[in-house]
Every structure is written in structure tokens, then in C-alpha cells.
Amino acid sequence: MKTIGIDFGTKRIGIAMTDAEGILAYPFKVIVKTTRDALFSELLEIFETEKVDEIVVGLPLSLDGEDTLTTRQVRNFATSLGRRTTLPIHLVDERLSSVAAEEELKEAGLWNRKRKKNLDSQAAKIILETWQARA
């Protein structure tokens, strides 16, 4: 089962994907947000082209597990996405996924500019791996 992971941000959306068997997660791309319609159009195209079976969206809770403004934005995004696709959408706690992604990229030897460019898709990969570990 092919799954896509989404790290939602107000400026960029990180995308990760699993292989067709749903075993290996890898960073896929970063979408720079322009308009809401363009974002959803690009996501739906990815779902179709990549033959995605389910969607995992990172839910940025505060460190004490409470909702924040960003948490509400992500919930609204997931609801809007759900109106546009019949694919199942799962929310997964993504606390500290960006910190972990930053560490992975540092360990891989990426410099600051390359790290920043890849951070969102790497965070989406971690979100996807978190989901896989729970499933």
C-alpha cells in the first residue's frame, strides 16, 4: 500500500512517499505554497500519478500535547483535503519531526542551504516513518 506523508507549513509543504509495498519511506518533494487551489491541484495530481492509497498528515501538537494555532491550521487543511479526495487521511503526532529531520540532514553532511531546501520533505519522511511504526 503506497502512502504519502505531508508536513504542512504555511509557506512550504513537505512531501514524502513510501514504495509500492509501503515499506520504505523517502523524501519526495517540497511544494512552495502559492494559492490554495494550486496547492490542492498539485497534491491531487501527485496522488493520481503516484497511485497513492492513503495519506498521512503531520499534526503539530505543542510539547505538552495541546493544540496550537498551527494544529488548527493543519486540521483545517486535512478537512479541506478530505473534501477533495476519497483517500483515507490519517493525522499523526509530529512533535519534534523537524528537529529530527535537521539532525538526519546534518548527519548526511548537507550544508545549511541544502539542509533548509530539504528539511520539509525530510520531516514528511519522519512523519511517515512514525505512522509506519504505529501501523
Protein backbone atom coordinates (compact mmCIF):
# COMPACT_ATOMS: atom_id res chain seq x y z
CA MET A 1 0.00 0.00 0.00
CA LYS A 2 1.57 3.28 -1.13
CA THR A 3 1.32 6.07 1.42
CA ILE A 4 2.15 9.75 1.14
CA GLY A 5 3.32 11.80 4.11
CA ILE A 6 2.64 15.52 4.36
CA ASP A 7 4.45 18.06 6.55
CA PHE A 8 2.14 21.08 6.32
CA GLY A 9 3.63 24.53 6.68
CA THR A 10 2.33 27.99 5.98
CA LYS A 11 4.98 28.59 3.28
CA ARG A 12 6.07 25.11 2.20
CA ILE A 13 4.58 21.62 2.21
CA GLY A 14 6.98 18.72 2.58
CA ILE A 15 6.03 15.51 0.80
CA ALA A 16 7.37 12.02 1.42
CA MET A 17 6.28 8.73 -0.06
CA THR A 18 6.60 5.02 0.56
CA ASP A 19 7.48 2.46 -2.05
CA ALA A 20 4.61 0.49 -3.60
CA GLU A 21 4.80 -2.13 -0.84
CA GLY A 22 4.59 0.55 1.87
CA ILE A 23 7.90 -0.48 3.43
CA LEU A 24 10.50 2.18 2.63
CA ALA A 25 9.77 5.89 3.19
CA TYR A 26 11.70 8.54 1.28
CA PRO A 27 11.56 12.33 0.80
CA PHE A 28 9.66 13.14 -2.39
CA LYS A 29 9.42 16.90 -2.90
CA VAL A 30 8.65 20.29 -1.39
CA ILE A 31 5.72 22.32 -2.64
CA VAL A 32 6.06 26.07 -2.24
CA LYS A 33 2.58 27.36 -1.49
CA THR A 34 1.07 29.83 -3.91
CA THR A 35 -2.71 29.66 -3.91
CA ARG A 36 -4.96 27.21 -2.09
CA ASP A 37 -6.41 25.92 -5.38
CA ALA A 38 -2.94 25.43 -6.89
CA LEU A 39 -1.79 23.53 -3.79
CA PHE A 40 -4.73 21.12 -3.81
CA SER A 41 -4.48 20.69 -7.58
CA GLU A 42 -0.80 19.72 -7.30
CA LEU A 43 -1.48 17.35 -4.41
CA LEU A 44 -4.33 15.62 -6.26
CA GLU A 45 -2.10 15.24 -9.32
CA ILE A 46 0.62 13.62 -7.17
CA PHE A 47 -1.94 11.25 -5.62
CA GLU A 48 -3.09 10.14 -9.06
CA THR A 49 0.30 10.00 -10.78
CA GLU A 50 1.98 8.14 -7.92
CA LYS A 51 -1.04 5.85 -7.33
CA VAL A 52 -1.28 6.75 -3.65
CA ASP A 53 -3.51 4.59 -1.43
CA GLU A 54 -3.57 6.67 1.76
CA ILE A 55 -2.41 10.00 3.20
CA VAL A 56 -0.65 10.75 6.48
CA VAL A 57 -0.59 14.37 7.65
CA GLY A 58 1.68 15.50 10.47
CA LEU A 59 -0.19 17.10 13.37
CA PRO A 60 1.99 19.69 15.14
CA LEU A 61 0.90 19.47 18.76
CA SER A 62 2.64 21.52 21.44
CA LEU A 63 5.21 19.70 23.57
CA ASP A 64 2.55 19.17 26.25
CA GLY A 65 0.18 17.65 23.66
CA GLU A 66 -2.17 20.62 23.30
CA ASP A 67 -3.46 22.15 20.08
CA THR A 68 -1.82 25.32 18.80
CA LEU A 69 -2.76 27.75 16.03
CA THR A 70 -0.73 25.63 13.60
CA THR A 71 -2.50 22.48 14.82
CA ARG A 72 -5.84 24.06 13.93
CA GLN A 73 -4.49 25.10 10.52
CA VAL A 74 -3.38 21.52 9.84
CA ARG A 75 -6.75 20.14 10.92
CA ASN A 76 -8.46 22.62 8.54
CA PHE A 77 -6.06 21.61 5.76
CA ALA A 78 -6.81 17.90 6.32
CA THR A 79 -10.56 18.58 6.31
CA SER A 80 -10.27 20.57 3.06
CA LEU A 81 -8.16 17.82 1.53
CA GLY A 82 -10.75 15.25 2.61
CA ARG A 83 -13.40 17.12 0.63
CA ARG A 84 -11.27 16.75 -2.50
CA THR A 85 -10.24 13.10 -2.31
CA THR A 86 -11.71 9.79 -1.24
CA LEU A 87 -8.33 8.54 0.00
CA PRO A 88 -8.15 7.84 3.74
CA ILE A 89 -6.40 10.64 5.66
CA HIS A 90 -4.63 9.94 8.95
CA LEU A 91 -3.26 12.52 11.36
CA VAL A 92 -0.08 11.62 13.25
CA ASP A 93 1.67 13.47 16.07
CA GLU A 94 4.69 15.15 14.54
CA ARG A 95 6.24 16.75 17.62
CA LEU A 96 9.95 17.32 17.04
CA SER A 97 9.90 15.88 13.50
CA SER A 98 11.64 18.97 12.12
CA VAL A 99 14.34 18.70 14.79
CA ALA A 100 14.89 15.03 13.91
CA ALA A 101 14.92 15.88 10.20
CA GLU A 102 17.52 18.59 10.77
CA GLU A 103 19.72 16.09 12.64
CA GLU A 104 19.40 13.47 9.88
CA LEU A 105 20.36 16.02 7.24
CA LYS A 106 23.35 17.19 9.30
CA GLU A 107 24.49 13.59 9.70
CA ALA A 108 24.18 13.17 5.93
CA GLY A 109 26.63 16.07 5.55
CA LEU A 110 24.29 18.60 3.98
CA TRP A 111 25.27 22.24 4.41
CA ASN A 112 22.87 24.90 5.66
CA ARG A 113 21.36 25.92 2.31
CA LYS A 114 20.83 22.33 1.13
CA ARG A 115 19.54 21.36 4.56
CA LYS A 116 16.93 24.12 4.52
CA LYS A 117 15.85 23.16 0.99
CA ASN A 118 15.33 19.52 2.00
CA LEU A 119 14.10 19.96 5.58
CA ASP A 120 10.34 19.86 4.86
CA SER A 121 10.42 16.69 2.75
CA GLN A 122 12.75 15.05 5.29
CA ALA A 123 10.29 15.97 8.09
CA ALA A 124 7.49 14.43 5.99
CA LYS A 125 9.57 11.24 5.76
CA ILE A 126 9.89 11.14 9.55
CA ILE A 127 6.13 11.69 9.90
CA LEU A 128 5.56 8.79 7.52
CA GLU A 129 8.01 6.56 9.42
CA THR A 130 6.21 7.42 12.67
CA TRP A 131 2.93 6.33 11.07
CA GLN A 132 4.52 3.13 9.74
CA ALA A 133 5.86 2.25 13.20
CA ARG A 134 2.36 2.53 14.66
CA ALA A 135 0.53 0.67 11.89
